[in-house]
């Protein structure tokens, strides 16, 4: 998956599902990794990381 595609998908997912989308993407990556689908798992980890960056720093 291209960098632009990852960020576009991450933005759409974050808008649609909120911050829960980050955990969902991480869970999806774990499941794919267990199935031996390492490339797909890597894509989902990148999507989760992109969403974390979009969310910004934590506020206290």
PDB file of N, CA and C in Angstrom:
ATOM      1  N   UNK A   1       0.851  -1.167   0.000  1.00  0.00           N
ATOM      2  CA  UNK A   1       0.000   0.000   0.000  1.00  0.00           C
ATOM      3  C   UNK A   1       0.902   1.236   0.000  1.00  0.00           C
ATOM      4  N   UNK A   2       0.583   2.192  -0.825  1.00  0.00           N
ATOM      5  CA  UNK A   2       1.375   3.412  -0.910  1.00  0.00           C
ATOM      6  C   UNK A   2       1.143   4.311   0.297  1.00  0.00           C
ATOM      7  N   UNK A   3       2.144   5.133   0.597  1.00  0.00           N
ATOM      8  CA  UNK A   3       2.082   6.050   1.734  1.00  0.00           C
ATOM      9  C   UNK A   3       0.830   6.936   1.657  1.00  0.00           C
ATOM     10  N   UNK A   4       0.531   7.443   0.486  1.00  0.00           N
ATOM     11  CA  UNK A   4      -0.643   8.309   0.301  1.00  0.00           C
ATOM     12  C   UNK A   4      -1.923   7.532   0.570  1.00  0.00           C
ATOM     13  N   UNK A   5      -1.987   6.306   0.099  1.00  0.00           N
ATOM     14  CA  UNK A   5      -3.170   5.470   0.319  1.00  0.00           C
ATOM     15  C   UNK A   5      -3.360   5.179   1.803  1.00  0.00           C
ATOM     16  N   UNK A   6      -2.272   4.913   2.498  1.00  0.00           N
ATOM     17  CA  UNK A   6      -2.341   4.621   3.929  1.00  0.00           C
ATOM     18  C   UNK A   6      -2.908   5.815   4.679  1.00  0.00           C
ATOM     19  N   UNK A   7      -2.398   7.001   4.391  1.00  0.00           N
ATOM     20  CA  UNK A   7      -2.870   8.191   5.090  1.00  0.00           C
ATOM     21  C   UNK A   7      -4.309   8.538   4.732  1.00  0.00           C
ATOM     22  N   UNK A   8      -4.681   8.327   3.484  1.00  0.00           N
ATOM     23  CA  UNK A   8      -6.058   8.594   3.067  1.00  0.00           C
ATOM     24  C   UNK A   8      -7.015   7.632   3.775  1.00  0.00           C
ATOM     25  N   UNK A   9      -6.661   6.359   3.787  1.00  0.00           N
ATOM     26  CA  UNK A   9      -7.508   5.362   4.444  1.00  0.00           C
ATOM     27  C   UNK A   9      -7.576   5.614   5.942  1.00  0.00           C
ATOM     28  N   UNK A  10      -6.439   5.959   6.538  1.00  0.00           N
ATOM     29  CA  UNK A  10      -6.394   6.235   7.980  1.00  0.00           C
ATOM     30  C   UNK A  10      -7.290   7.421   8.329  1.00  0.00           C
ATOM     31  N   UNK A  11      -7.235   8.475   7.529  1.00  0.00           N
ATOM     32  CA  UNK A  11      -8.055   9.664   7.776  1.00  0.00           C
ATOM     33  C   UNK A  11      -9.536   9.324   7.708  1.00  0.00           C
ATOM     34  N   UNK A  12      -9.921   8.582   6.675  1.00  0.00           N
ATOM     35  CA  UNK A  12     -11.323   8.204   6.510  1.00  0.00           C
ATOM     36  C   UNK A  12     -11.789   7.311   7.656  1.00  0.00           C
ATOM     37  N   UNK A  13     -10.963   6.374   8.042  1.00  0.00           N
ATOM     38  CA  UNK A  13     -11.313   5.457   9.126  1.00  0.00           C
ATOM     39  C   UNK A  13     -11.428   6.197  10.448  1.00  0.00           C
ATOM     40  N   UNK A  14     -10.516   7.118  10.703  1.00  0.00           N
ATOM     41  CA  UNK A  14     -10.544   7.899  11.931  1.00  0.00           C
ATOM     42  C   UNK A  14     -11.781   8.793  11.987  1.00  0.00           C
ATOM     43  N   UNK A  15     -12.142   9.385  10.866  1.00  0.00           N
ATOM     44  CA  UNK A  15     -13.345  10.218  10.808  1.00  0.00           C
ATOM     45  C   UNK A  15     -14.613   9.392  11.042  1.00  0.00           C
ATOM     46  N   UNK A  16     -14.634   8.197  10.491  1.00  0.00           N
ATOM     47  CA  UNK A  16     -15.822   7.351  10.581  1.00  0.00           C
ATOM     48  C   UNK A  16     -15.973   6.677  11.942  1.00  0.00           C
ATOM     49  N   UNK A  17     -14.865   6.220  12.527  1.00  0.00           N
ATOM     50  CA  UNK A  17     -14.932   5.394  13.737  1.00  0.00           C
ATOM     51  C   UNK A  17     -14.375   6.071  14.986  1.00  0.00           C
ATOM     52  N   UNK A  18     -13.752   7.232  14.819  1.00  0.00           N
ATOM     53  CA  UNK A  18     -13.168   7.901  15.973  1.00  0.00           C
ATOM     54  C   UNK A  18     -11.901   7.200  16.429  1.00  0.00           C
ATOM     55  N   UNK A  19     -11.499   7.512  17.645  1.00  0.00           N
ATOM     56  CA  UNK A  19     -10.240   6.968  18.151  1.00  0.00           C
ATOM     57  C   UNK A  19     -10.267   5.454  18.354  1.00  0.00           C
ATOM     58  N   UNK A  20     -11.460   4.870  18.399  1.00  0.00           N
ATOM     59  CA  UNK A  20     -11.564   3.405  18.495  1.00  0.00           C
ATOM     60  C   UNK A  20     -10.952   2.734  17.274  1.00  0.00           C
ATOM     61  N   UNK A  21     -10.892   3.456  16.180  1.00  0.00           N
ATOM     62  CA  UNK A  21     -10.352   2.903  14.938  1.00  0.00           C
ATOM     63  C   UNK A  21      -8.886   2.508  15.093  1.00  0.00           C
ATOM     64  N   UNK A  22      -8.163   3.196  15.955  1.00  0.00           N
ATOM     65  CA  UNK A  22      -6.743   2.882  16.159  1.00  0.00           C
ATOM     66  C   UNK A  22      -6.603   1.483  16.745  1.00  0.00           C
ATOM     67  N   UNK A  23      -7.381   1.200  17.778  1.00  0.00           N
ATOM     68  CA  UNK A  23      -7.341  -0.137  18.395  1.00  0.00           C
ATOM     69  C   UNK A  23      -7.837  -1.199  17.424  1.00  0.00           C
ATOM     70  N   UNK A  24      -8.860  -0.871  16.644  1.00  0.00           N
ATOM     71  CA  UNK A  24      -9.385  -1.835  15.669  1.00  0.00           C
ATOM     72  C   UNK A  24      -8.328  -2.174  14.620  1.00  0.00           C
ATOM     73  N   UNK A  25      -7.593  -1.161  14.162  1.00  0.00           N
ATOM     74  CA  UNK A  25      -6.546  -1.406  13.172  1.00  0.00           C
ATOM     75  C   UNK A  25      -5.434  -2.267  13.760  1.00  0.00           C
ATOM     76  N   UNK A  26      -5.080  -2.021  15.007  1.00  0.00           N
ATOM     77  CA  UNK A  26      -4.052  -2.822  15.667  1.00  0.00           C
ATOM     78  C   UNK A  26      -4.504  -4.270  15.817  1.00  0.00           C
ATOM     79  N   UNK A  27      -5.756  -4.474  16.192  1.00  0.00           N
ATOM     80  CA  UNK A  27      -6.295  -5.833  16.320  1.00  0.00           C
ATOM     81  C   UNK A  27      -6.316  -6.542  14.970  1.00  0.00           C
ATOM     82  N   UNK A  28      -6.681  -5.806  13.930  1.00  0.00           N
ATOM     83  CA  UNK A  28      -6.703  -6.369  12.587  1.00  0.00           C
ATOM     84  C   UNK A  28      -5.293  -6.821  12.193  1.00  0.00           C
ATOM     85  N   UNK A  29      -4.287  -5.998  12.524  1.00  0.00           N
ATOM     86  CA  UNK A  29      -2.903  -6.352  12.211  1.00  0.00           C
ATOM     87  C   UNK A  29      -2.483  -7.635  12.928  1.00  0.00           C
ATOM     88  N   UNK A  30      -2.857  -7.755  14.174  1.00  0.00           N
ATOM     89  CA  UNK A  30      -2.514  -8.955  14.947  1.00  0.00           C
ATOM     90  C   UNK A  30      -3.160 -10.194  14.333  1.00  0.00           C
ATOM     91  N   UNK A  31      -4.430 -10.076  13.978  1.00  0.00           N
ATOM     92  CA  UNK A  31      -5.127 -11.210  13.368  1.00  0.00           C
ATOM     93  C   UNK A  31      -4.512 -11.622  12.048  1.00  0.00           C
ATOM     94  N   UNK A  32      -4.158 -10.653  11.229  1.00  0.00           N
ATOM     95  CA  UNK A  32      -3.538 -10.962   9.944  1.00  0.00           C
ATOM     96  C   UNK A  32      -2.166 -11.589  10.119  1.00  0.00           C
ATOM     97  N   UNK A  33      -1.425 -11.102  11.101  1.00  0.00           N
ATOM     98  CA  UNK A  33      -0.104 -11.671  11.388  1.00  0.00           C
ATOM     99  C   UNK A  33      -0.226 -13.142  11.790  1.00  0.00           C
ATOM    100  N   UNK A  34      -1.225 -13.451  12.615  1.00  0.00           N
ATOM    101  CA  UNK A  34      -1.441 -14.840  13.035  1.00  0.00           C
ATOM    102  C   UNK A  34      -1.785 -15.738  11.860  1.00  0.00           C
ATOM    103  N   UNK A  35      -2.427 -15.153  10.839  1.00  0.00           N
ATOM    104  CA  UNK A  35      -2.792 -15.915   9.644  1.00  0.00           C
ATOM    105  C   UNK A  35      -1.635 -16.014   8.652  1.00  0.00           C
ATOM    106  N   UNK A  36      -0.516 -15.377   8.981  1.00  0.00           N
ATOM    107  CA  UNK A  36       0.640 -15.413   8.105  1.00  0.00           C
ATOM    108  C   UNK A  36       0.614 -14.373   7.004  1.00  0.00           C
ATOM    109  N   UNK A  37      -0.291 -13.427   7.090  1.00  0.00           N
ATOM    110  CA  UNK A  37      -0.416 -12.379   6.078  1.00  0.00           C
ATOM    111  C   UNK A  37       0.373 -11.150   6.532  1.00  0.00           C
ATOM    112  N   UNK A  38       1.686 -11.271   6.466  1.00  0.00           N
ATOM    113  CA  UNK A  38       2.557 -10.249   7.042  1.00  0.00           C
ATOM    114  C   UNK A  38       2.481  -8.909   6.319  1.00  0.00           C
ATOM    115  N   UNK A  39       2.340  -8.919   5.015  1.00  0.00           N
ATOM    116  CA  UNK A  39       2.271  -7.657   4.268  1.00  0.00           C
ATOM    117  C   UNK A  39       1.001  -6.883   4.628  1.00  0.00           C
ATOM    118  N   UNK A  40      -0.118  -7.590   4.698  1.00  0.00           N
ATOM    119  CA  UNK A  40      -1.377  -6.950   5.072  1.00  0.00           C
ATOM    120  C   UNK A  40      -1.321  -6.443   6.514  1.00  0.00           C
ATOM    121  N   UNK A  41      -0.700  -7.222   7.384  1.00  0.00           N
ATOM    122  CA  UNK A  41      -0.542  -6.815   8.785  1.00  0.00           C
ATOM    123  C   UNK A  41       0.304  -5.555   8.873  1.00  0.00           C
ATOM    124  N   UNK A  42       1.358  -5.485   8.082  1.00  0.00           N
ATOM    125  CA  UNK A  42       2.210  -4.295   8.068  1.00  0.00           C
ATOM    126  C   UNK A  42       1.419  -3.073   7.618  1.00  0.00           C
ATOM    127  N   UNK A  43       0.568  -3.232   6.615  1.00  0.00           N
ATOM    128  CA  UNK A  43      -0.272  -2.128   6.160  1.00  0.00           C
ATOM    129  C   UNK A  43      -1.176  -1.624   7.282  1.00  0.00           C
ATOM    130  N   UNK A  44      -1.789  -2.532   8.012  1.00  0.00           N
ATOM    131  CA  UNK A  44      -2.690  -2.125   9.099  1.00  0.00           C
ATOM    132  C   UNK A  44      -1.936  -1.469  10.243  1.00  0.00           C
ATOM    133  N   UNK A  45      -0.707  -1.902  10.494  1.00  0.00           N
ATOM    134  CA  UNK A  45       0.101  -1.229  11.523  1.00  0.00           C
ATOM    135  C   UNK A  45       0.443   0.196  11.085  1.00  0.00           C
ATOM    136  N   UNK A  46       0.717   0.361   9.804  1.00  0.00           N
ATOM    137  CA  UNK A  46       0.998   1.695   9.284  1.00  0.00           C
ATOM    138  C   UNK A  46      -0.246   2.576   9.342  1.00  0.00           C
ATOM    139  N   UNK A  47      -1.408   2.007   9.078  1.00  0.00           N
ATOM    140  CA  UNK A  47      -2.657   2.753   9.179  1.00  0.00           C
ATOM    141  C   UNK A  47      -2.883   3.195  10.622  1.00  0.00           C
ATOM    142  N   UNK A  48      -2.671   2.284  11.565  1.00  0.00           N
ATOM    143  CA  UNK A  48      -2.840   2.620  12.979  1.00  0.00           C
ATOM    144  C   UNK A  48      -1.875   3.729  13.388  1.00  0.00           C
ATOM    145  N   UNK A  49      -0.637   3.652  12.937  1.00  0.00           N
ATOM    146  CA  UNK A  49       0.359   4.679  13.270  1.00  0.00           C
ATOM    147  C   UNK A  49      -0.025   6.025  12.661  1.00  0.00           C
ATOM    148  N   UNK A  50      -0.518   6.009  11.452  1.00  0.00           N
ATOM    149  CA  UNK A  50      -0.942   7.253  10.805  1.00  0.00           C
ATOM    150  C   UNK A  50      -2.100   7.893  11.578  1.00  0.00           C
ATOM    151  N   UNK A  51      -3.023   7.073  12.063  1.00  0.00           N
ATOM    152  CA  UNK A  51      -4.146   7.607  12.850  1.00  0.00           C
ATOM    153  C   UNK A  51      -3.644   8.210  14.157  1.00  0.00           C
ATOM    154  N   UNK A  52      -2.662   7.584  14.781  1.00  0.00           N
ATOM    155  CA  UNK A  52      -2.090   8.124  16.020  1.00  0.00           C
ATOM    156  C   UNK A  52      -1.488   9.500  15.763  1.00  0.00           C
ATOM    157  N   UNK A  53      -0.800   9.642  14.655  1.00  0.00           N
ATOM    158  CA  UNK A  53      -0.191  10.924  14.319  1.00  0.00           C
ATOM    159  C   UNK A  53      -1.256  11.983  14.029  1.00  0.00           C
ATOM    160  N   UNK A  54      -2.326  11.583  13.365  1.00  0.00           N
ATOM    161  CA  UNK A  54      -3.416  12.513  13.053  1.00  0.00           C
ATOM    162  C   UNK A  54      -4.131  12.985  14.313  1.00  0.00           C
ATOM    163  N   UNK A  55      -4.235  12.092  15.261  1.00  0.00           N
ATOM    164  CA  UNK A  55      -4.917  12.409  16.517  1.00  0.00           C
ATOM    165  C   UNK A  55      -4.158  13.476  17.285  1.00  0.00           C
ATOM    166  N   UNK A  56      -2.854  13.483  17.160  1.00  0.00           N
ATOM    167  CA  UNK A  56      -2.045  14.500  17.821  1.00  0.00           C
ATOM    168  C   UNK A  56      -1.669  14.076  19.228  1.00  0.00           C
ATOM    169  N   UNK A  57      -0.959  14.968  19.934  1.00  0.00           N
ATOM    170  CA  UNK A  57      -0.517  14.654  21.302  1.00  0.00           C
ATOM    171  C   UNK A  57      -1.688  14.627  22.278  1.00  0.00           C
ATOM    172  N   UNK A  58      -1.509  13.869  23.334  1.00  0.00           N
ATOM    173  CA  UNK A  58      -2.530  13.789  24.383  1.00  0.00           C
ATOM    174  C   UNK A  58      -2.635  15.118  25.116  1.00  0.00           C
ATOM    175  N   UNK A  59      -3.841  15.468  25.468  1.00  0.00           N
ATOM    176  CA  UNK A  59      -4.077  16.668  26.272  1.00  0.00           C
ATOM    177  C   UNK A  59      -4.262  16.255  27.718  1.00  0.00           C
ATOM    178  N   UNK A  60      -3.724  17.037  28.636  1.00  0.00           N
ATOM    179  CA  UNK A  60      -3.893  16.690  30.059  1.00  0.00           C
ATOM    180  C   UNK A  60      -4.825  17.656  30.730  1.00  0.00           C
TER     181      UNK A  60
END
